[in-house]
């Protein structure tokens, strides 16, 4: 009997130093390969600049590869992430949309630094820039690394808790892409849109149902069921929601760094065999060695 399509060690959510990870695309490919990943995607935030490097590195290792990106979206006043998989990274409309999404990050970063300065932490913008591979993608994670290395906090989780979440001195909300726009950019470029780590969002049940409903109405096709920030109870919940909404199931560690990420590349449980995995729908877009 052949194995279930879900029994694949696919890792379709990871970040390089092109966005807010600490490893370059080549090192990520090597780590994924060493950890037994059988299908990999680099999904940097709002950026596709690392795609060619990731694909070339994966091919050299004999590792099947899917293009990817994680698009920042504002929905019901909260930041939501939509992962795109299997699209054409050269698609002009997608690249223009991602560039527009990135454009507000620098102003937001200066405002975050101003808030931290008022809390007694000067020089945070310049400090965060030391950790940025792509200045267009400066983010809260870069500020967090600066505060840890400065000795102000023990780890990045403490930074977010004390300074970078809603109501704290360094928190600055931002208006990202609209949900429908993000889904359309991805699908028009030949890819599949996936709701990233839904268990992380602080939505009421009604708001969460609205997210899934609107996502599906816009043409979204998948949801991350198994991901690094989900608890086992979330696996069950979002497997049920995948079935309820007729969505494909995805799996990804959301790996950022060997020193910061709780879940390594390729270390997650497999998808439940009763779900249809996203990689079945984009098999024709997998770049094979």
C-alpha atoms as a PDB file:
ATOM      1  CA  UNK A   1       0.000   0.000   0.000  1.00  0.00           C
ATOM      2  CA  UNK A   2       1.391   3.420  -0.940  1.00  0.00           C
ATOM      3  CA  UNK A   3       1.723   6.000   1.875  1.00  0.00           C
ATOM      4  CA  UNK A   4      -0.919   8.691   2.363  1.00  0.00           C
ATOM      5  CA  UNK A   5      -0.121  11.978   0.566  1.00  0.00           C
ATOM      6  CA  UNK A   6      -0.296  13.618   4.009  1.00  0.00           C
ATOM      7  CA  UNK A   7       2.605  11.442   5.207  1.00  0.00           C
ATOM      8  CA  UNK A   8       5.186  13.808   3.735  1.00  0.00           C
ATOM      9  CA  UNK A   9       7.680  15.759   5.795  1.00  0.00           C
ATOM     10  CA  UNK A  10       6.830  19.036   4.059  1.00  0.00           C
ATOM     11  CA  UNK A  11       7.880  22.315   5.667  1.00  0.00           C
ATOM     12  CA  UNK A  12       6.099  25.130   3.856  1.00  0.00           C
ATOM     13  CA  UNK A  13       6.684  28.046   6.226  1.00  0.00           C
ATOM     14  CA  UNK A  14      10.161  29.379   7.025  1.00  0.00           C
ATOM     15  CA  UNK A  15      12.056  32.661   6.996  1.00  0.00           C
ATOM     16  CA  UNK A  16      15.540  33.718   5.927  1.00  0.00           C
ATOM     17  CA  UNK A  17      17.534  36.871   6.614  1.00  0.00           C
ATOM     18  CA  UNK A  18      15.902  38.370   3.537  1.00  0.00           C
ATOM     19  CA  UNK A  19      13.067  39.130   5.967  1.00  0.00           C
ATOM     20  CA  UNK A  20      13.296  38.455   9.718  1.00  0.00           C
ATOM     21  CA  UNK A  21      15.120  35.123   9.921  1.00  0.00           C
ATOM     22  CA  UNK A  22      18.771  34.837  10.891  1.00  0.00           C
ATOM     23  CA  UNK A  23      19.996  32.296   8.310  1.00  0.00           C
ATOM     24  CA  UNK A  24      20.485  32.962   4.615  1.00  0.00           C
ATOM     25  CA  UNK A  25      18.428  30.992   2.061  1.00  0.00           C
ATOM     26  CA  UNK A  26      21.295  28.590   1.357  1.00  0.00           C
ATOM     27  CA  UNK A  27      21.766  27.760   5.043  1.00  0.00           C
ATOM     28  CA  UNK A  28      18.015  27.216   5.444  1.00  0.00           C
ATOM     29  CA  UNK A  29      17.981  24.820   2.504  1.00  0.00           C
ATOM     30  CA  UNK A  30      20.871  22.879   4.026  1.00  0.00           C
ATOM     31  CA  UNK A  31      19.145  22.731   7.422  1.00  0.00           C
ATOM     32  CA  UNK A  32      15.873  21.561   5.887  1.00  0.00           C
ATOM     33  CA  UNK A  33      17.672  18.851   3.920  1.00  0.00           C
ATOM     34  CA  UNK A  34      19.671  17.703   6.951  1.00  0.00           C
ATOM     35  CA  UNK A  35      16.457  17.480   9.000  1.00  0.00           C
ATOM     36  CA  UNK A  36      14.768  15.186   6.516  1.00  0.00           C
ATOM     37  CA  UNK A  37      12.403  17.706   4.926  1.00  0.00           C
ATOM     38  CA  UNK A  38      10.975  16.241   1.707  1.00  0.00           C
ATOM     39  CA  UNK A  39       9.362  19.414   0.326  1.00  0.00           C
ATOM     40  CA  UNK A  40      10.457  22.903   1.375  1.00  0.00           C
ATOM     41  CA  UNK A  41       9.293  26.491   0.862  1.00  0.00           C
ATOM     42  CA  UNK A  42      10.947  29.744   1.866  1.00  0.00           C
ATOM     43  CA  UNK A  43       8.165  32.167   2.843  1.00  0.00           C
ATOM     44  CA  UNK A  44       9.783  35.488   3.710  1.00  0.00           C
ATOM     45  CA  UNK A  45       7.531  38.337   4.833  1.00  0.00           C
ATOM     46  CA  UNK A  46       6.178  40.422   1.949  1.00  0.00           C
ATOM     47  CA  UNK A  47       9.225  39.655  -0.193  1.00  0.00           C
ATOM     48  CA  UNK A  48      10.353  37.258  -2.937  1.00  0.00           C
ATOM     49  CA  UNK A  49      13.971  38.425  -3.246  1.00  0.00           C
ATOM     50  CA  UNK A  50      15.295  35.177  -1.733  1.00  0.00           C
ATOM     51  CA  UNK A  51      13.331  32.833  -3.996  1.00  0.00           C
ATOM     52  CA  UNK A  52      15.922  32.186  -6.698  1.00  0.00           C
ATOM     53  CA  UNK A  53      18.671  31.555  -4.140  1.00  0.00           C
ATOM     54  CA  UNK A  54      16.433  29.166  -2.198  1.00  0.00           C
ATOM     55  CA  UNK A  55      15.405  27.258  -5.317  1.00  0.00           C
ATOM     56  CA  UNK A  56      18.983  26.914  -6.579  1.00  0.00           C
ATOM     57  CA  UNK A  57      20.234  25.770  -3.163  1.00  0.00           C
ATOM     58  CA  UNK A  58      17.407  23.250  -2.838  1.00  0.00           C
ATOM     59  CA  UNK A  59      18.064  21.850  -6.314  1.00  0.00           C
ATOM     60  CA  UNK A  60      21.757  21.370  -5.503  1.00  0.00           C
ATOM     61  CA  UNK A  61      20.744  19.303  -2.472  1.00  0.00           C
ATOM     62  CA  UNK A  62      18.125  17.247  -4.305  1.00  0.00           C
ATOM     63  CA  UNK A  63      15.369  18.876  -2.216  1.00  0.00           C
ATOM     64  CA  UNK A  64      11.999  19.526  -3.939  1.00  0.00           C
ATOM     65  CA  UNK A  65      11.037  23.190  -3.590  1.00  0.00           C
ATOM     66  CA  UNK A  66       7.913  25.391  -3.736  1.00  0.00           C
ATOM     67  CA  UNK A  67       8.040  29.164  -4.083  1.00  0.00           C
ATOM     68  CA  UNK A  68       6.539  31.007  -1.144  1.00  0.00           C
ATOM     69  CA  UNK A  69       5.862  34.292   0.650  1.00  0.00           C
ATOM     70  CA  UNK A  70       4.007  35.355   3.781  1.00  0.00           C
ATOM     71  CA  UNK A  71       1.825  38.387   3.098  1.00  0.00           C
ATOM     72  CA  UNK A  72       0.827  40.752   5.913  1.00  0.00           C
ATOM     73  CA  UNK A  73      -2.906  41.491   5.954  1.00  0.00           C
ATOM     74  CA  UNK A  74      -5.173  43.624   8.136  1.00  0.00           C
ATOM     75  CA  UNK A  75      -8.480  41.932   9.009  1.00  0.00           C
ATOM     76  CA  UNK A  76     -10.933  43.085  11.686  1.00  0.00           C
ATOM     77  CA  UNK A  77      -8.298  45.458  12.997  1.00  0.00           C
ATOM     78  CA  UNK A  78      -5.715  42.697  13.521  1.00  0.00           C
ATOM     79  CA  UNK A  79      -2.635  41.615  11.580  1.00  0.00           C
ATOM     80  CA  UNK A  80      -3.203  38.293   9.824  1.00  0.00           C
ATOM     81  CA  UNK A  81      -0.714  36.440   7.640  1.00  0.00           C
ATOM     82  CA  UNK A  82      -1.496  34.697   4.367  1.00  0.00           C
ATOM     83  CA  UNK A  83       1.090  32.308   2.958  1.00  0.00           C
ATOM     84  CA  UNK A  84       1.318  32.030  -0.811  1.00  0.00           C
ATOM     85  CA  UNK A  85       2.711  28.804  -2.269  1.00  0.00           C
ATOM     86  CA  UNK A  86       3.622  27.698  -5.772  1.00  0.00           C
ATOM     87  CA  UNK A  87       3.272  31.084  -7.493  1.00  0.00           C
ATOM     88  CA  UNK A  88       5.470  32.673 -10.146  1.00  0.00           C
ATOM     89  CA  UNK A  89       7.924  34.895  -8.198  1.00  0.00           C
ATOM     90  CA  UNK A  90       8.413  37.073 -11.273  1.00  0.00           C
ATOM     91  CA  UNK A  91       4.720  38.000 -11.532  1.00  0.00           C
ATOM     92  CA  UNK A  92       4.575  41.808 -11.798  1.00  0.00           C
ATOM     93  CA  UNK A  93       1.275  42.329  -9.954  1.00  0.00           C
ATOM     94  CA  UNK A  94       2.407  40.175  -7.051  1.00  0.00           C
ATOM     95  CA  UNK A  95       5.750  41.967  -6.785  1.00  0.00           C
ATOM     96  CA  UNK A  96       4.057  45.381  -6.924  1.00  0.00           C
ATOM     97  CA  UNK A  97       1.594  44.357  -4.222  1.00  0.00           C
ATOM     98  CA  UNK A  98       4.349  43.105  -1.941  1.00  0.00           C
ATOM     99  CA  UNK A  99       6.354  46.302  -2.505  1.00  0.00           C
ATOM    100  CA  UNK A 100       3.337  48.396  -1.520  1.00  0.00           C
ATOM    101  CA  UNK A 101       2.883  46.278   1.608  1.00  0.00           C
ATOM    102  CA  UNK A 102       6.526  46.759   2.587  1.00  0.00           C
ATOM    103  CA  UNK A 103       6.482  50.516   2.070  1.00  0.00           C
ATOM    104  CA  UNK A 104       5.051  51.452   5.452  1.00  0.00           C
ATOM    105  CA  UNK A 105       7.557  49.497   7.536  1.00  0.00           C
ATOM    106  CA  UNK A 106      10.241  52.194   7.862  1.00  0.00           C
ATOM    107  CA  UNK A 107       7.849  54.854   9.171  1.00  0.00           C
ATOM    108  CA  UNK A 108       6.404  52.325  11.578  1.00  0.00           C
ATOM    109  CA  UNK A 109       9.929  51.413  12.758  1.00  0.00           C
ATOM    110  CA  UNK A 110      10.754  55.065  13.525  1.00  0.00           C
ATOM    111  CA  UNK A 111       7.509  55.370  15.488  1.00  0.00           C
ATOM    112  CA  UNK A 112       8.364  52.192  17.428  1.00  0.00           C
ATOM    113  CA  UNK A 113      11.793  53.611  18.251  1.00  0.00           C
ATOM    114  CA  UNK A 114      10.200  56.860  19.452  1.00  0.00           C
ATOM    115  CA  UNK A 115       7.954  54.893  21.798  1.00  0.00           C
ATOM    116  CA  UNK A 116      10.877  52.907  23.175  1.00  0.00           C
ATOM    117  CA  UNK A 117      12.885  56.126  23.661  1.00  0.00           C
ATOM    118  CA  UNK A 118      10.045  57.524  25.769  1.00  0.00           C
ATOM    119  CA  UNK A 119      10.289  54.319  27.833  1.00  0.00           C
ATOM    120  CA  UNK A 120      14.001  54.962  28.472  1.00  0.00           C
ATOM    121  CA  UNK A 121      15.512  52.952  25.598  1.00  0.00           C
ATOM    122  CA  UNK A 122      17.216  55.358  23.178  1.00  0.00           C
ATOM    123  CA  UNK A 123      18.786  54.418  19.845  1.00  0.00           C
ATOM    124  CA  UNK A 124      16.492  51.487  19.145  1.00  0.00           C
ATOM    125  CA  UNK A 125      16.035  52.229  15.434  1.00  0.00           C
ATOM    126  CA  UNK A 126      19.776  52.280  14.782  1.00  0.00           C
ATOM    127  CA  UNK A 127      20.175  49.257  17.028  1.00  0.00           C
ATOM    128  CA  UNK A 128      17.532  47.264  15.173  1.00  0.00           C
ATOM    129  CA  UNK A 129      19.124  48.092  11.816  1.00  0.00           C
ATOM    130  CA  UNK A 130      22.190  46.080  12.843  1.00  0.00           C
ATOM    131  CA  UNK A 131      20.071  42.929  12.564  1.00  0.00           C
ATOM    132  CA  UNK A 132      18.341  43.752   9.281  1.00  0.00           C
ATOM    133  CA  UNK A 133      19.385  42.015   6.078  1.00  0.00           C
ATOM    134  CA  UNK A 134      16.823  43.974   4.015  1.00  0.00           C
ATOM    135  CA  UNK A 135      16.091  47.500   5.361  1.00  0.00           C
ATOM    136  CA  UNK A 136      12.703  47.467   3.591  1.00  0.00           C
ATOM    137  CA  UNK A 137      11.655  44.681   5.952  1.00  0.00           C
ATOM    138  CA  UNK A 138      12.648  46.077   9.338  1.00  0.00           C
ATOM    139  CA  UNK A 139      10.250  44.550  11.856  1.00  0.00           C
ATOM    140  CA  UNK A 140       9.469  44.042  15.523  1.00  0.00           C
ATOM    141  CA  UNK A 141      11.701  40.954  15.494  1.00  0.00           C
ATOM    142  CA  UNK A 142      14.760  43.085  14.709  1.00  0.00           C
ATOM    143  CA  UNK A 143      13.945  45.428  17.594  1.00  0.00           C
ATOM    144  CA  UNK A 144      13.503  42.386  19.833  1.00  0.00           C
ATOM    145  CA  UNK A 145      16.962  41.052  18.953  1.00  0.00           C
ATOM    146  CA  UNK A 146      18.486  44.445  19.734  1.00  0.00           C
ATOM    147  CA  UNK A 147      16.811  44.583  23.151  1.00  0.00           C
ATOM    148  CA  UNK A 148      17.991  41.055  23.986  1.00  0.00           C
ATOM    149  CA  UNK A 149      21.594  41.679  22.956  1.00  0.00           C
ATOM    150  CA  UNK A 150      21.521  44.974  24.867  1.00  0.00           C
ATOM    151  CA  UNK A 151      20.683  43.046  28.035  1.00  0.00           C
ATOM    152  CA  UNK A 152      17.323  44.751  28.506  1.00  0.00           C
ATOM    153  CA  UNK A 153      15.414  41.480  28.144  1.00  0.00           C
ATOM    154  CA  UNK A 154      16.350  37.822  28.566  1.00  0.00           C
ATOM    155  CA  UNK A 155      14.848  36.641  25.269  1.00  0.00           C
ATOM    156  CA  UNK A 156      12.682  37.851  22.408  1.00  0.00           C
ATOM    157  CA  UNK A 157       9.514  36.510  24.024  1.00  0.00           C
ATOM    158  CA  UNK A 158      10.102  38.809  27.002  1.00  0.00           C
ATOM    159  CA  UNK A 159      10.655  41.750  24.632  1.00  0.00           C
ATOM    160  CA  UNK A 160       7.308  41.228  22.941  1.00  0.00           C
ATOM    161  CA  UNK A 161       5.540  40.792  26.266  1.00  0.00           C
ATOM    162  CA  UNK A 162       7.019  43.959  27.810  1.00  0.00           C
ATOM    163  CA  UNK A 163       7.440  46.313  24.877  1.00  0.00           C
ATOM    164  CA  UNK A 164       6.060  45.272  21.486  1.00  0.00           C
ATOM    165  CA  UNK A 165       2.443  44.128  21.887  1.00  0.00           C
ATOM    166  CA  UNK A 166      -0.725  46.211  21.980  1.00  0.00           C
ATOM    167  CA  UNK A 167      -0.646  48.738  24.820  1.00  0.00           C
ATOM    168  CA  UNK A 168       3.123  48.501  25.361  1.00  0.00           C
ATOM    169  CA  UNK A 169       5.618  51.347  24.703  1.00  0.00           C
ATOM    170  CA  UNK A 170       7.019  50.081  21.397  1.00  0.00           C
ATOM    171  CA  UNK A 171       3.802  48.858  19.802  1.00  0.00           C
ATOM    172  CA  UNK A 172       2.665  50.668  16.664  1.00  0.00           C
ATOM    173  CA  UNK A 173      -0.267  49.321  14.637  1.00  0.00           C
ATOM    174  CA  UNK A 174       0.054  49.229  10.876  1.00  0.00           C
ATOM    175  CA  UNK A 175      -2.435  48.996   8.046  1.00  0.00           C
ATOM    176  CA  UNK A 176      -1.337  46.118   5.826  1.00  0.00           C
ATOM    177  CA  UNK A 177      -2.810  44.721   2.608  1.00  0.00           C
ATOM    178  CA  UNK A 178      -6.491  43.869   2.361  1.00  0.00           C
ATOM    179  CA  UNK A 179      -7.313  40.164   2.637  1.00  0.00           C
ATOM    180  CA  UNK A 180      -8.879  40.019  -0.819  1.00  0.00           C
ATOM    181  CA  UNK A 181      -5.930  41.777  -2.440  1.00  0.00           C
ATOM    182  CA  UNK A 182      -3.387  39.385  -0.919  1.00  0.00           C
ATOM    183  CA  UNK A 183      -5.355  36.328  -2.024  1.00  0.00           C
ATOM    184  CA  UNK A 184      -5.778  37.722  -5.545  1.00  0.00           C
ATOM    185  CA  UNK A 185      -2.061  38.548  -5.929  1.00  0.00           C
ATOM    186  CA  UNK A 186      -1.157  34.987  -5.019  1.00  0.00           C
ATOM    187  CA  UNK A 187      -3.778  33.210  -7.090  1.00  0.00           C
ATOM    188  CA  UNK A 188      -3.295  35.426 -10.164  1.00  0.00           C
ATOM    189  CA  UNK A 189       0.397  34.508 -10.030  1.00  0.00           C
ATOM    190  CA  UNK A 190      -0.553  30.825 -10.237  1.00  0.00           C
ATOM    191  CA  UNK A 191      -0.266  30.002  -6.547  1.00  0.00           C
ATOM    192  CA  UNK A 192      -2.421  28.907  -3.631  1.00  0.00           C
ATOM    193  CA  UNK A 193      -3.304  31.169  -0.688  1.00  0.00           C
ATOM    194  CA  UNK A 194      -3.139  29.662   2.818  1.00  0.00           C
ATOM    195  CA  UNK A 195      -4.205  31.147   6.169  1.00  0.00           C
ATOM    196  CA  UNK A 196      -1.054  31.073   8.299  1.00  0.00           C
ATOM    197  CA  UNK A 197      -1.108  29.867  11.951  1.00  0.00           C
ATOM    198  CA  UNK A 198      -4.775  30.729  12.659  1.00  0.00           C
ATOM    199  CA  UNK A 199      -4.395  29.703  16.290  1.00  0.00           C
ATOM    200  CA  UNK A 200      -2.272  32.792  16.943  1.00  0.00           C
ATOM    201  CA  UNK A 201      -4.938  35.373  16.215  1.00  0.00           C
ATOM    202  CA  UNK A 202      -6.937  36.816  19.079  1.00  0.00           C
ATOM    203  CA  UNK A 203     -10.287  36.687  17.318  1.00  0.00           C
ATOM    204  CA  UNK A 204     -13.669  35.931  18.803  1.00  0.00           C
ATOM    205  CA  UNK A 205     -15.337  32.824  17.351  1.00  0.00           C
ATOM    206  CA  UNK A 206     -17.497  35.048  15.147  1.00  0.00           C
ATOM    207  CA  UNK A 207     -14.477  37.008  13.868  1.00  0.00           C
ATOM    208  CA  UNK A 208     -12.588  33.806  13.150  1.00  0.00           C
ATOM    209  CA  UNK A 209     -15.551  32.391  11.249  1.00  0.00           C
ATOM    210  CA  UNK A 210     -15.716  35.629   9.250  1.00  0.00           C
ATOM    211  CA  UNK A 211     -12.000  35.357   8.439  1.00  0.00           C
ATOM    212  CA  UNK A 212     -12.387  31.836   7.074  1.00  0.00           C
ATOM    213  CA  UNK A 213     -15.581  32.725   5.213  1.00  0.00           C
ATOM    214  CA  UNK A 214     -14.160  35.829   3.538  1.00  0.00           C
ATOM    215  CA  UNK A 215     -10.860  34.085   2.769  1.00  0.00           C
ATOM    216  CA  UNK A 216     -12.714  31.289   0.998  1.00  0.00           C
ATOM    217  CA  UNK A 217     -14.961  33.776  -0.837  1.00  0.00           C
ATOM    218  CA  UNK A 218     -11.889  35.614  -2.172  1.00  0.00           C
ATOM    219  CA  UNK A 219     -10.461  32.365  -3.565  1.00  0.00           C
ATOM    220  CA  UNK A 220      -8.289  31.204  -0.669  1.00  0.00           C
ATOM    221  CA  UNK A 221      -7.757  27.459  -0.723  1.00  0.00           C
ATOM    222  CA  UNK A 222      -5.706  26.380   2.305  1.00  0.00           C
ATOM    223  CA  UNK A 223      -5.065  26.674   6.038  1.00  0.00           C
ATOM    224  CA  UNK A 224      -2.062  25.781   8.177  1.00  0.00           C
ATOM    225  CA  UNK A 225      -3.190  22.962  10.441  1.00  0.00           C
ATOM    226  CA  UNK A 226       0.205  21.845  11.765  1.00  0.00           C
ATOM    227  CA  UNK A 227       2.527  24.763  12.493  1.00  0.00           C
ATOM    228  CA  UNK A 228       5.137  25.761  15.042  1.00  0.00           C
ATOM    229  CA  UNK A 229       2.898  28.003  17.153  1.00  0.00           C
ATOM    230  CA  UNK A 230      -0.048  25.581  17.316  1.00  0.00           C
ATOM    231  CA  UNK A 231      -0.777  23.352  20.288  1.00  0.00           C
ATOM    232  CA  UNK A 232      -2.068  19.803  19.756  1.00  0.00           C
ATOM    233  CA  UNK A 233      -5.586  21.049  20.482  1.00  0.00           C
ATOM    234  CA  UNK A 234      -5.159  23.519  17.605  1.00  0.00           C
ATOM    235  CA  UNK A 235      -4.249  20.652  15.272  1.00  0.00           C
ATOM    236  CA  UNK A 236      -7.653  19.112  15.973  1.00  0.00           C
ATOM    237  CA  UNK A 237      -9.556  22.408  15.783  1.00  0.00           C
ATOM    238  CA  UNK A 238      -8.097  23.536  12.472  1.00  0.00           C
ATOM    239  CA  UNK A 239      -8.289  20.091  10.929  1.00  0.00           C
ATOM    240  CA  UNK A 240     -12.024  20.301  11.652  1.00  0.00           C
ATOM    241  CA  UNK A 241     -12.208  23.806  10.185  1.00  0.00           C
ATOM    242  CA  UNK A 242     -10.339  22.677   7.074  1.00  0.00           C
ATOM    243  CA  UNK A 243     -13.014  20.035   6.579  1.00  0.00           C
ATOM    244  CA  UNK A 244     -15.870  22.440   7.354  1.00  0.00           C
ATOM    245  CA  UNK A 245     -14.681  25.048   4.850  1.00  0.00           C
ATOM    246  CA  UNK A 246     -13.371  22.604   2.274  1.00  0.00           C
ATOM    247  CA  UNK A 247      -9.794  23.903   2.606  1.00  0.00           C
ATOM    248  CA  UNK A 248      -6.546  22.138   1.832  1.00  0.00           C
ATOM    249  CA  UNK A 249      -4.242  21.532   4.802  1.00  0.00           C
ATOM    250  CA  UNK A 250      -0.712  22.899   5.106  1.00  0.00           C
ATOM    251  CA  UNK A 251       2.203  22.230   7.434  1.00  0.00           C
ATOM    252  CA  UNK A 252       5.159  24.453   8.307  1.00  0.00           C
ATOM    253  CA  UNK A 253       7.445  25.197  11.217  1.00  0.00           C
ATOM    254  CA  UNK A 254       7.530  29.020  10.841  1.00  0.00           C
ATOM    255  CA  UNK A 255      11.252  28.631  11.532  1.00  0.00           C
ATOM    256  CA  UNK A 256      13.215  31.877  11.991  1.00  0.00           C
ATOM    257  CA  UNK A 257      16.374  31.057  13.901  1.00  0.00           C
ATOM    258  CA  UNK A 258      18.207  28.174  15.600  1.00  0.00           C
ATOM    259  CA  UNK A 259      18.336  30.302  18.775  1.00  0.00           C
ATOM    260  CA  UNK A 260      14.764  31.637  18.809  1.00  0.00           C
ATOM    261  CA  UNK A 261      12.397  29.134  17.205  1.00  0.00           C
ATOM    262  CA  UNK A 262      10.682  26.515  19.358  1.00  0.00           C
ATOM    263  CA  UNK A 263      10.186  24.219  16.356  1.00  0.00           C
ATOM    264  CA  UNK A 264      12.983  23.283  13.965  1.00  0.00           C
ATOM    265  CA  UNK A 265      12.563  22.747  10.251  1.00  0.00           C
ATOM    266  CA  UNK A 266      10.969  19.369   9.576  1.00  0.00           C
ATOM    267  CA  UNK A 267      10.252  18.601  13.248  1.00  0.00           C
ATOM    268  CA  UNK A 268       6.442  18.872  13.245  1.00  0.00           C
ATOM    269  CA  UNK A 269       3.922  16.017  13.427  1.00  0.00           C
ATOM    270  CA  UNK A 270       2.579  14.861  10.079  1.00  0.00           C
ATOM    271  CA  UNK A 271      -0.778  16.081   8.782  1.00  0.00           C
ATOM    272  CA  UNK A 272      -3.782  13.918   9.665  1.00  0.00           C
ATOM    273  CA  UNK A 273      -4.302  11.428   6.855  1.00  0.00           C
ATOM    274  CA  UNK A 274      -7.959  12.424   6.498  1.00  0.00           C
ATOM    275  CA  UNK A 275      -7.025  15.875   5.137  1.00  0.00           C
ATOM    276  CA  UNK A 276      -6.033  16.821   1.597  1.00  0.00           C
ATOM    277  CA  UNK A 277      -2.580  18.470   1.679  1.00  0.00           C
ATOM    278  CA  UNK A 278      -1.862  21.671  -0.247  1.00  0.00           C
ATOM    279  CA  UNK A 279       1.035  20.062  -2.068  1.00  0.00           C
ATOM    280  CA  UNK A 280      -1.361  17.869  -4.014  1.00  0.00           C
ATOM    281  CA  UNK A 281      -2.894  20.973  -5.599  1.00  0.00           C
ATOM    282  CA  UNK A 282       0.449  22.565  -6.544  1.00  0.00           C
ATOM    283  CA  UNK A 283       2.347  19.416  -7.491  1.00  0.00           C
ATOM    284  CA  UNK A 284       2.869  20.848 -10.985  1.00  0.00           C
ATOM    285  CA  UNK A 285       4.634  23.876  -9.447  1.00  0.00           C
ATOM    286  CA  UNK A 286       7.113  21.881  -7.336  1.00  0.00           C
ATOM    287  CA  UNK A 287      10.664  22.506  -8.549  1.00  0.00           C
ATOM    288  CA  UNK A 288      12.307  19.101  -8.570  1.00  0.00           C
ATOM    289  CA  UNK A 289      16.055  18.437  -8.903  1.00  0.00           C
END
